[in-house]
Amino acid sequence: MIKITNKNNCCGCGACLNVCPKQCISYKEDEEGFLYPTVNANDCIDCNLCNKVCPYNSETIPRKPIDIYAAKNKDEQIRLNSSSGGFFSALAEYVINQRGIVFGAQFDEKWNVIHSYTDNKKGISLYRGSKYAQSNTLHTYQEAKSFLEKNILVLYTGTPCQILGLKKFLRKDYSNLITVDFVCHGVPSPKIWQLYIKNLSLDAPINYISFRDKQKGWRNYTLYIQTRFSNLKFNTNENQSPYMKGFLNELYLRPSCHNCIAKNFSSNSDLTIADYWWIQNIKPEFDDDKGVSLVYVNTTKGNHILTELNIDKFETNSEKDISSAYLYQGAVTQSAIPNPHRKQFFSLVTSANMNHLILDFTKPSLPQRIKLLGKRILRKSRFLNSLYKNHIKPNIRK
């Protein structure tokens, strides 16, 4: 039976829970709010399937994408409602048009993040947009397998470790499965997310949440929370919400995120998506500050599907383009470094003092600020050097 002795070695993907033939594995929340498997030993038959499908019990192999694209959805409203360029929505609509099934992460009625599936275009909107809390995959691996065995086209989207878990659970390749992950910074604690909502003391139940609202542009995105009577907006550059500040400062990510096993495209996904933050220096006319998707094509299947989609796109295959696609998405290769105050934060946090603690523990000291500034200057200088090496004049916005 599976037994987690080191929390760094469990990403909470759900493969073990889904594969158990006796359904004797359940997930329980720890003191930090993350889910870990527990086994009812009385029902366990020692089949060892849980250990066989665990991503941590086999080697992951780094890969390199076979192509890199910039892409935009042709429907501007869909793009504005998406985190980046609306690529996921175009792909999901393609699958629905083939009478397929789309799996993704949505909010439930209590604003927890869970995985579910849809067979219609209206349902796609539930999965659109980033959600900065770890999703519970529930029994969606089993559901996806059921559809696959009926020869139904399935699109499954999730974090790299969730896609890796799905692949391990399935234990074979399916020609009718499309897997898509995204460049992942790490998954925050669902408990902290719920405490944050509670701390807001809203005047009415929440109707809508967008972590990446574009009312002020793609690059100047806003955490937007809407109730019946009021709207809350937290601009990332001016009055950043404490929750987003803590997330971006690695204060409450899952322990396994600090030693991620699914970096370097080792999840075996067909496609990996992200924001193409530096697109204005690659192809300025493609950038309107409404969002551009960066699409890493990892398999021939992914490449074929990309040719089928009705989207605006161009291949970024020069040395300059490829370097930018990696340089400005460092999470492709690098795990998040744990915040030095992480343990202390979790030991002290309550709903009443959470925002105060986040702001205290994310306030950089002078040496940290100097170090961060140095890293930013170094990263930018490396990229500018690659531009001049290729005789490209950078288009720097003032």
Protein backbone atom coordinates (compact mmCIF):
# COMPACT_ATOMS: atom_id res chain seq x y z
CA MET A 1 0.00 0.00 0.00
CA ILE A 2 1.07 3.56 -0.62
CA LYS A 3 2.49 5.45 2.34
CA ILE A 4 3.68 9.05 2.23
CA THR A 5 6.62 9.52 4.58
CA ASN A 6 8.01 12.61 2.87
CA LYS A 7 5.53 15.23 1.67
CA ASN A 8 8.01 16.40 -0.93
CA ASN A 9 7.25 13.10 -2.69
CA CYS A 10 3.53 13.57 -3.23
CA CYS A 11 2.00 16.05 -5.67
CA GLY A 12 -1.60 15.05 -4.87
CA CYS A 13 -2.31 14.06 -8.49
CA GLY A 14 -4.88 11.41 -7.51
CA ALA A 15 -3.46 8.51 -9.54
CA CYS A 16 -3.35 6.19 -6.51
CA LEU A 17 -6.92 7.03 -5.46
CA ASN A 18 -8.23 6.45 -8.98
CA VAL A 19 -6.46 3.14 -9.58
CA CYS A 20 -7.39 1.36 -6.32
CA PRO A 21 -9.70 -1.60 -7.18
CA LYS A 22 -11.09 -1.74 -3.64
CA GLN A 23 -11.57 2.04 -3.29
CA CYS A 24 -9.78 1.91 0.02
CA ILE A 25 -7.70 5.05 -0.64
CA SER A 26 -9.07 8.43 0.35
CA TYR A 27 -7.55 11.88 0.42
CA LYS A 28 -7.29 13.82 3.66
CA GLU A 29 -6.32 17.42 4.18
CA ASP A 30 -3.21 18.10 6.26
CA GLU A 31 -2.64 21.10 8.53
CA GLU A 32 -1.49 23.19 5.53
CA GLY A 33 -4.62 22.41 3.52
CA PHE A 34 -3.08 19.99 1.01
CA LEU A 35 -4.54 16.56 0.22
CA TYR A 36 -2.57 13.35 0.83
CA PRO A 37 -3.63 9.72 0.40
CA THR A 38 -4.56 7.52 3.35
CA VAL A 39 -5.30 3.79 3.09
CA ASN A 40 -7.93 1.73 4.88
CA ALA A 41 -5.69 -1.21 5.69
CA ASN A 42 -8.66 -3.47 6.45
CA ASP A 43 -9.86 -3.27 2.84
CA CYS A 44 -6.44 -3.24 1.15
CA ILE A 45 -5.60 -6.42 -0.84
CA ASP A 46 -1.91 -5.49 -1.35
CA CYS A 47 -2.21 -5.37 -5.14
CA ASN A 48 0.41 -2.57 -5.09
CA LEU A 49 -1.24 -0.75 -8.00
CA CYS A 50 -1.12 2.50 -6.02
CA ASN A 51 2.67 2.36 -5.87
CA LYS A 52 2.95 1.29 -9.51
CA VAL A 53 1.10 4.36 -10.78
CA CYS A 54 2.69 6.87 -8.40
CA PRO A 55 4.76 9.35 -10.47
CA TYR A 56 7.43 9.34 -7.76
CA ASN A 57 8.16 5.63 -8.15
CA SER A 58 9.51 5.85 -11.70
CA GLU A 59 11.99 8.03 -13.52
CA THR A 60 10.77 11.04 -15.50
CA ILE A 61 12.59 11.90 -18.71
CA PRO A 62 13.13 15.56 -19.72
CA ARG A 63 12.17 16.47 -23.29
CA LYS A 64 12.45 19.38 -25.66
CA PRO A 65 9.47 20.69 -27.65
CA ILE A 66 9.49 19.99 -31.36
CA ASP A 67 7.96 23.39 -32.18
CA ILE A 68 7.07 26.65 -30.43
CA TYR A 69 4.21 28.90 -31.53
CA ALA A 70 2.58 32.18 -30.61
CA ALA A 71 -1.21 31.92 -30.85
CA LYS A 72 -4.35 33.99 -30.41
CA ASN A 73 -8.02 33.06 -30.42
CA LYS A 74 -9.87 34.81 -33.26
CA ASP A 75 -12.80 35.56 -30.95
CA GLU A 76 -11.68 38.70 -29.11
CA GLN A 77 -14.22 38.30 -26.31
CA ILE A 78 -12.98 34.77 -25.55
CA ARG A 79 -9.43 36.10 -25.52
CA LEU A 80 -10.36 38.88 -23.10
CA ASN A 81 -11.96 36.29 -20.80
CA SER A 82 -8.86 34.07 -20.98
CA SER A 83 -5.62 34.40 -19.06
CA SER A 84 -3.43 34.70 -22.15
CA GLY A 85 -4.39 34.23 -25.81
CA GLY A 86 -7.40 31.92 -25.55
CA PHE A 87 -5.62 28.91 -27.06
CA PHE A 88 -7.27 26.44 -24.66
CA SER A 89 -10.76 27.57 -25.69
CA ALA A 90 -10.00 27.06 -29.39
CA LEU A 91 -8.67 23.58 -28.68
CA ALA A 92 -11.61 22.71 -26.41
CA GLU A 93 -14.13 23.84 -29.05
CA TYR A 94 -12.34 21.68 -31.63
CA VAL A 95 -12.72 18.64 -29.35
CA ILE A 96 -16.40 19.37 -28.65
CA ASN A 97 -17.01 19.71 -32.40
CA GLN A 98 -15.62 16.16 -32.73
CA ARG A 99 -18.20 15.02 -30.15
CA GLY A 100 -15.44 14.71 -27.61
CA ILE A 101 -15.09 15.37 -23.89
CA VAL A 102 -13.09 18.17 -22.25
CA PHE A 103 -11.64 17.91 -18.73
CA GLY A 104 -10.46 20.98 -16.86
CA ALA A 105 -10.34 22.85 -13.56
CA GLN A 106 -13.34 24.85 -12.36
CA PHE A 107 -14.65 26.50 -9.22
CA ASP A 108 -17.27 24.59 -7.24
CA GLU A 109 -20.13 26.25 -5.35
CA LYS A 110 -17.79 27.11 -2.45
CA TRP A 111 -15.06 28.45 -4.76
CA ASN A 112 -12.79 25.46 -4.24
CA VAL A 113 -10.97 24.36 -7.41
CA ILE A 114 -11.90 20.91 -8.71
CA HIS A 115 -11.58 18.93 -11.93
CA SER A 116 -14.65 18.00 -13.96
CA TYR A 117 -15.65 17.42 -17.59
CA THR A 118 -18.03 18.83 -20.17
CA ASP A 119 -19.43 17.68 -23.51
CA ASN A 120 -20.69 21.09 -24.69
CA LYS A 121 -19.26 24.49 -25.60
CA LYS A 122 -21.07 26.29 -22.80
CA GLY A 123 -19.18 24.19 -20.24
CA ILE A 124 -15.81 25.30 -21.63
CA SER A 125 -16.22 28.69 -19.96
CA LEU A 126 -15.92 27.02 -16.53
CA TYR A 127 -12.34 25.98 -17.32
CA ARG A 128 -11.26 29.24 -18.92
CA GLY A 129 -8.76 31.35 -16.98
CA SER A 130 -6.07 30.66 -14.39
CA LYS A 131 -7.06 29.43 -10.94
CA TYR A 132 -4.36 29.90 -8.31
CA ALA A 133 -5.20 27.10 -5.88
CA GLN A 134 -4.51 23.39 -6.21
CA SER A 135 -7.26 21.53 -8.02
CA ASN A 136 -8.71 18.27 -6.67
CA THR A 137 -8.82 15.80 -9.59
CA LEU A 138 -11.40 13.65 -7.75
CA HIS A 139 -12.22 10.58 -9.93
CA THR A 140 -11.64 12.29 -13.28
CA TYR A 141 -8.84 9.88 -14.25
CA GLN A 142 -11.34 7.01 -14.06
CA GLU A 143 -13.91 9.04 -15.98
CA ALA A 144 -11.39 9.92 -18.69
CA LYS A 145 -10.40 6.26 -19.07
CA SER A 146 -14.04 5.25 -19.43
CA PHE A 147 -14.53 7.69 -22.31
CA LEU A 148 -11.25 6.66 -23.94
CA GLU A 149 -12.21 2.99 -23.92
CA LYS A 150 -15.44 3.94 -25.70
CA ASN A 151 -13.29 5.48 -28.43
CA ILE A 152 -14.44 9.02 -27.57
CA LEU A 153 -11.98 11.87 -28.12
CA VAL A 154 -10.79 13.23 -24.76
CA LEU A 155 -8.96 16.47 -23.95
CA TYR A 156 -7.51 16.48 -20.43
CA THR A 157 -5.94 19.69 -19.14
CA GLY A 158 -4.13 20.19 -15.85
CA THR A 159 -0.83 20.95 -14.16
CA PRO A 160 2.23 19.05 -15.40
CA CYS A 161 2.14 16.72 -12.38
CA GLN A 162 -1.57 16.03 -12.94
CA ILE A 163 -0.91 15.10 -16.57
CA LEU A 164 2.00 12.92 -15.45
CA GLY A 165 -0.29 11.24 -12.91
CA LEU A 166 -2.95 10.63 -15.56
CA LYS A 167 -0.39 9.02 -17.89
CA LYS A 168 0.86 6.77 -15.09
CA PHE A 169 -2.71 5.82 -14.17
CA LEU A 170 -3.66 4.91 -17.75
CA ARG A 171 -0.50 2.79 -18.18
CA LYS A 172 -0.82 2.85 -21.97
CA ASP A 173 -1.12 5.36 -24.80
CA TYR A 174 -4.49 6.24 -26.31
CA SER A 175 -4.66 7.71 -29.80
CA ASN A 176 -7.89 9.50 -28.85
CA LEU A 177 -6.36 11.30 -25.84
CA ILE A 178 -5.05 14.86 -26.05
CA THR A 179 -3.18 16.12 -22.99
CA VAL A 180 -2.41 19.76 -22.30
CA ASP A 181 -0.56 21.23 -19.34
CA PHE A 182 0.78 24.70 -18.65
CA VAL A 183 3.97 26.27 -17.40
CA CYS A 184 3.38 25.98 -13.66
CA HIS A 185 4.85 28.22 -10.97
CA GLY A 186 3.43 25.95 -8.26
CA VAL A 187 0.08 25.23 -6.62
CA PRO A 188 -1.03 27.26 -3.57
CA SER A 189 -2.81 25.80 -0.56
CA PRO A 190 -6.61 25.52 -0.96
CA LYS A 191 -6.88 26.23 2.76
CA ILE A 192 -5.14 29.60 2.40
CA TRP A 193 -7.38 30.46 -0.56
CA GLN A 194 -10.49 29.74 1.51
CA LEU A 195 -9.15 31.74 4.46
CA TYR A 196 -8.47 34.63 2.12
CA ILE A 197 -12.07 34.61 0.84
CA LYS A 198 -13.35 34.48 4.41
CA ASN A 199 -11.07 37.35 5.41
CA LEU A 200 -12.61 39.62 2.78
CA SER A 201 -15.87 39.85 4.80
CA LEU A 202 -17.92 40.41 1.65
CA ASP A 203 -21.36 41.98 1.67
CA ALA A 204 -22.92 39.16 -0.36
CA PRO A 205 -22.06 35.73 -1.82
CA ILE A 206 -19.46 35.71 -4.60
CA ASN A 207 -20.81 35.56 -8.16
CA TYR A 208 -17.58 35.61 -10.14
CA ILE A 209 -13.81 35.42 -9.69
CA SER A 210 -11.06 36.12 -12.19
CA PHE A 211 -7.44 35.85 -11.11
CA ARG A 212 -6.30 37.41 -14.38
CA ASP A 213 -8.89 40.02 -15.32
CA LYS A 214 -7.80 42.17 -18.29
CA GLN A 215 -9.78 45.36 -17.71
CA LYS A 216 -6.43 47.16 -17.44
CA GLY A 217 -4.68 45.01 -20.01
CA TRP A 218 -3.02 41.61 -20.26
CA ARG A 219 0.24 42.69 -18.63
CA ASN A 220 -1.46 44.74 -15.95
CA TYR A 221 -3.90 42.02 -14.94
CA THR A 222 -6.18 42.28 -11.93
CA LEU A 223 -7.59 39.86 -9.35
CA TYR A 224 -11.30 40.58 -9.72
CA ILE A 225 -13.99 39.37 -7.31
CA GLN A 226 -17.64 40.20 -7.95
CA THR A 227 -20.57 39.92 -5.56
CA ARG A 228 -24.18 40.95 -6.05
CA PHE A 229 -23.55 44.39 -4.57
CA SER A 230 -19.89 45.19 -5.15
CA ASN A 231 -16.73 44.51 -7.11
CA LEU A 232 -13.24 44.08 -5.66
CA LYS A 233 -10.23 44.74 -7.88
CA PHE A 234 -6.60 44.23 -6.94
CA ASN A 235 -4.16 45.51 -9.53
CA THR A 236 -0.90 43.55 -9.65
CA ASN A 237 1.33 46.58 -9.96
CA GLU A 238 -0.45 49.10 -7.74
CA ASN A 239 -2.41 47.47 -4.91
CA GLN A 240 -1.66 43.79 -5.31
CA SER A 241 -3.88 41.53 -3.23
CA PRO A 242 -2.15 39.86 -0.27
CA TYR A 243 -3.16 36.45 -1.63
CA MET A 244 -1.44 36.97 -4.99
CA LYS A 245 1.57 38.50 -3.25
CA GLY A 246 1.96 35.39 -1.08
CA PHE A 247 1.56 33.09 -4.09
CA LEU A 248 4.16 34.91 -6.16
CA ASN A 249 6.54 34.86 -3.18
CA GLU A 250 6.25 31.06 -2.75
CA LEU A 251 4.83 31.44 0.76
CA TYR A 252 2.24 28.65 0.63
CA LEU A 253 2.96 26.36 -2.31
CA ARG A 254 2.69 22.58 -1.98
CA PRO A 255 5.97 21.08 -0.66
CA SER A 256 6.44 18.99 -3.82
CA CYS A 257 6.41 22.17 -5.94
CA HIS A 258 9.85 23.02 -4.57
CA ASN A 259 11.26 19.87 -6.12
CA CYS A 260 8.91 19.35 -9.05
CA ILE A 261 9.27 16.04 -10.92
CA ALA A 262 7.46 17.28 -14.04
CA LYS A 263 9.77 20.06 -15.23
CA ASN A 264 11.36 20.19 -18.69
CA PHE A 265 8.22 18.81 -20.39
CA SER A 266 8.63 15.44 -18.64
CA SER A 267 4.88 15.16 -18.05
CA ASN A 268 4.59 13.73 -21.59
CA SER A 269 1.82 16.16 -22.50
CA ASP A 270 1.06 16.79 -26.15
CA LEU A 271 0.98 20.57 -25.71
CA THR A 272 2.17 23.01 -23.05
CA ILE A 273 0.72 26.52 -22.88
CA ALA A 274 1.79 29.74 -21.19
CA ASP A 275 1.82 33.52 -21.63
CA TYR A 276 4.08 34.85 -24.39
CA TRP A 277 5.22 37.82 -22.30
CA TRP A 278 7.99 38.97 -24.66
CA ILE A 279 5.97 38.83 -27.86
CA GLN A 280 6.21 42.59 -28.44
CA ASN A 281 9.92 42.13 -29.09
CA ILE A 282 9.43 39.12 -31.36
CA LYS A 283 6.52 40.30 -33.48
CA PRO A 284 5.19 43.70 -32.32
CA GLU A 285 2.24 43.68 -34.73
CA PHE A 286 0.96 40.48 -33.07
CA ASP A 287 0.71 42.18 -29.67
CA ASP A 288 -2.30 44.28 -28.66
CA ASP A 289 -2.01 43.76 -24.87
CA LYS A 290 -5.10 41.53 -24.93
CA GLY A 291 -3.13 38.32 -24.54
CA VAL A 292 -0.95 35.97 -26.58
CA SER A 293 -0.52 32.26 -25.87
CA LEU A 294 2.87 30.62 -25.95
CA VAL A 295 2.38 27.07 -27.21
CA TYR A 296 5.06 24.40 -26.86
CA VAL A 297 4.35 21.50 -29.21
CA ASN A 298 5.71 18.35 -27.57
CA THR A 299 4.44 15.51 -29.77
CA THR A 300 3.54 14.84 -33.40
CA LYS A 301 -0.07 14.46 -32.24
CA GLY A 302 0.08 17.93 -30.75
CA ASN A 303 1.56 19.29 -33.96
CA HIS A 304 -1.21 17.73 -36.05
CA ILE A 305 -3.93 19.14 -33.80
CA LEU A 306 -2.43 22.62 -33.97
CA THR A 307 -2.80 22.60 -37.76
CA GLU A 308 -6.51 21.81 -37.34
CA LEU A 309 -7.31 24.81 -35.14
CA ASN A 310 -8.84 28.02 -36.48
CA ILE A 311 -6.52 30.44 -34.67
CA ASP A 312 -4.05 33.19 -35.47
CA LYS A 313 -0.56 31.79 -35.00
CA PHE A 314 3.03 31.87 -36.16
CA GLU A 315 5.94 29.56 -35.54
CA THR A 316 8.75 30.95 -33.39
CA ASN A 317 11.65 28.81 -34.50
CA SER A 318 14.59 31.21 -34.64
CA GLU A 319 17.30 31.12 -31.99
CA LYS A 320 16.06 34.51 -30.72
CA ASP A 321 12.45 33.33 -30.40
CA ILE A 322 13.32 30.07 -28.69
CA SER A 323 15.60 31.76 -26.18
CA SER A 324 12.83 34.20 -25.23
CA ALA A 325 10.28 31.38 -24.91
CA TYR A 326 12.50 29.81 -22.26
CA LEU A 327 14.03 32.90 -20.68
CA TYR A 328 10.74 34.53 -19.77
CA GLN A 329 9.11 31.31 -18.62
CA GLY A 330 11.72 30.13 -16.13
CA ALA A 331 9.23 27.75 -14.50
CA VAL A 332 9.65 25.48 -17.54
CA THR A 333 12.92 24.26 -16.07
CA GLN A 334 13.11 25.59 -12.51
CA SER A 335 11.18 24.63 -9.38
CA ALA A 336 9.96 27.36 -7.04
CA ILE A 337 12.33 28.22 -4.20
CA PRO A 338 10.52 27.95 -0.85
CA ASN A 339 9.97 31.17 1.04
CA PRO A 340 12.20 31.16 4.17
CA HIS A 341 9.16 32.11 6.28
CA ARG A 342 6.92 29.32 4.94
CA LYS A 343 6.96 27.11 8.04
CA GLN A 344 6.47 30.01 10.42
CA PHE A 345 3.62 31.37 8.31
CA PHE A 346 1.64 28.11 8.46
CA SER A 347 2.22 27.83 12.21
CA LEU A 348 0.72 31.27 12.82
CA VAL A 349 -1.92 31.76 10.17
CA THR A 350 -5.58 32.20 11.03
CA SER A 351 -8.39 33.84 9.12
CA ALA A 352 -8.09 36.95 11.26
CA ASN A 353 -4.39 37.62 10.77
CA MET A 354 -3.66 36.03 7.38
CA ASN A 355 -3.35 39.19 5.28
CA HIS A 356 -1.13 40.81 7.90
CA LEU A 357 1.17 37.75 8.01
CA ILE A 358 1.42 37.56 4.23
CA LEU A 359 2.46 41.19 3.96
CA ASP A 360 4.99 40.78 6.79
CA PHE A 361 6.52 37.60 5.39
CA THR A 362 6.73 38.82 1.79
CA LYS A 363 8.38 42.16 2.58
CA PRO A 364 11.87 41.78 1.12
CA SER A 365 14.89 42.90 3.10
CA LEU A 366 17.38 45.27 1.48
CA PRO A 367 19.81 42.44 0.56
CA GLN A 368 16.92 40.47 -0.97
CA ARG A 369 15.79 43.48 -3.00
CA ILE A 370 19.32 44.04 -4.31
CA LYS A 371 19.61 40.35 -5.21
CA LEU A 372 16.22 40.38 -6.99
CA LEU A 373 17.15 43.51 -8.95
CA GLY A 374 20.43 41.90 -9.96
CA LYS A 375 18.63 38.79 -11.24
CA ARG A 376 16.22 40.89 -13.30
CA ILE A 377 19.05 42.91 -14.84
CA LEU A 378 21.01 39.74 -15.63
CA ARG A 379 18.00 38.04 -17.21
CA LYS A 380 17.22 41.04 -19.38
CA SER A 381 20.85 41.53 -20.44
CA ARG A 382 21.12 37.88 -21.51
CA PHE A 383 18.05 38.22 -23.68
CA LEU A 384 19.14 41.53 -25.20
CA ASN A 385 22.52 39.97 -26.00
CA SER A 386 20.73 37.17 -27.85
CA LEU A 387 18.77 39.78 -29.85
CA TYR A 388 21.87 41.73 -30.88
CA LYS A 389 23.68 38.50 -31.66
CA ASN A 390 20.97 37.81 -34.23
CA HIS A 391 21.10 41.43 -35.49
CA ILE A 392 17.60 42.15 -34.21
CA LYS A 393 16.77 45.59 -32.88
CA PRO A 394 14.71 45.21 -29.69
CA ASN A 395 11.36 46.98 -29.54
CA ILE A 396 11.43 48.25 -25.95
CA ARG A 397 8.28 49.98 -24.77
CA LYS A 398 8.67 53.11 -22.69
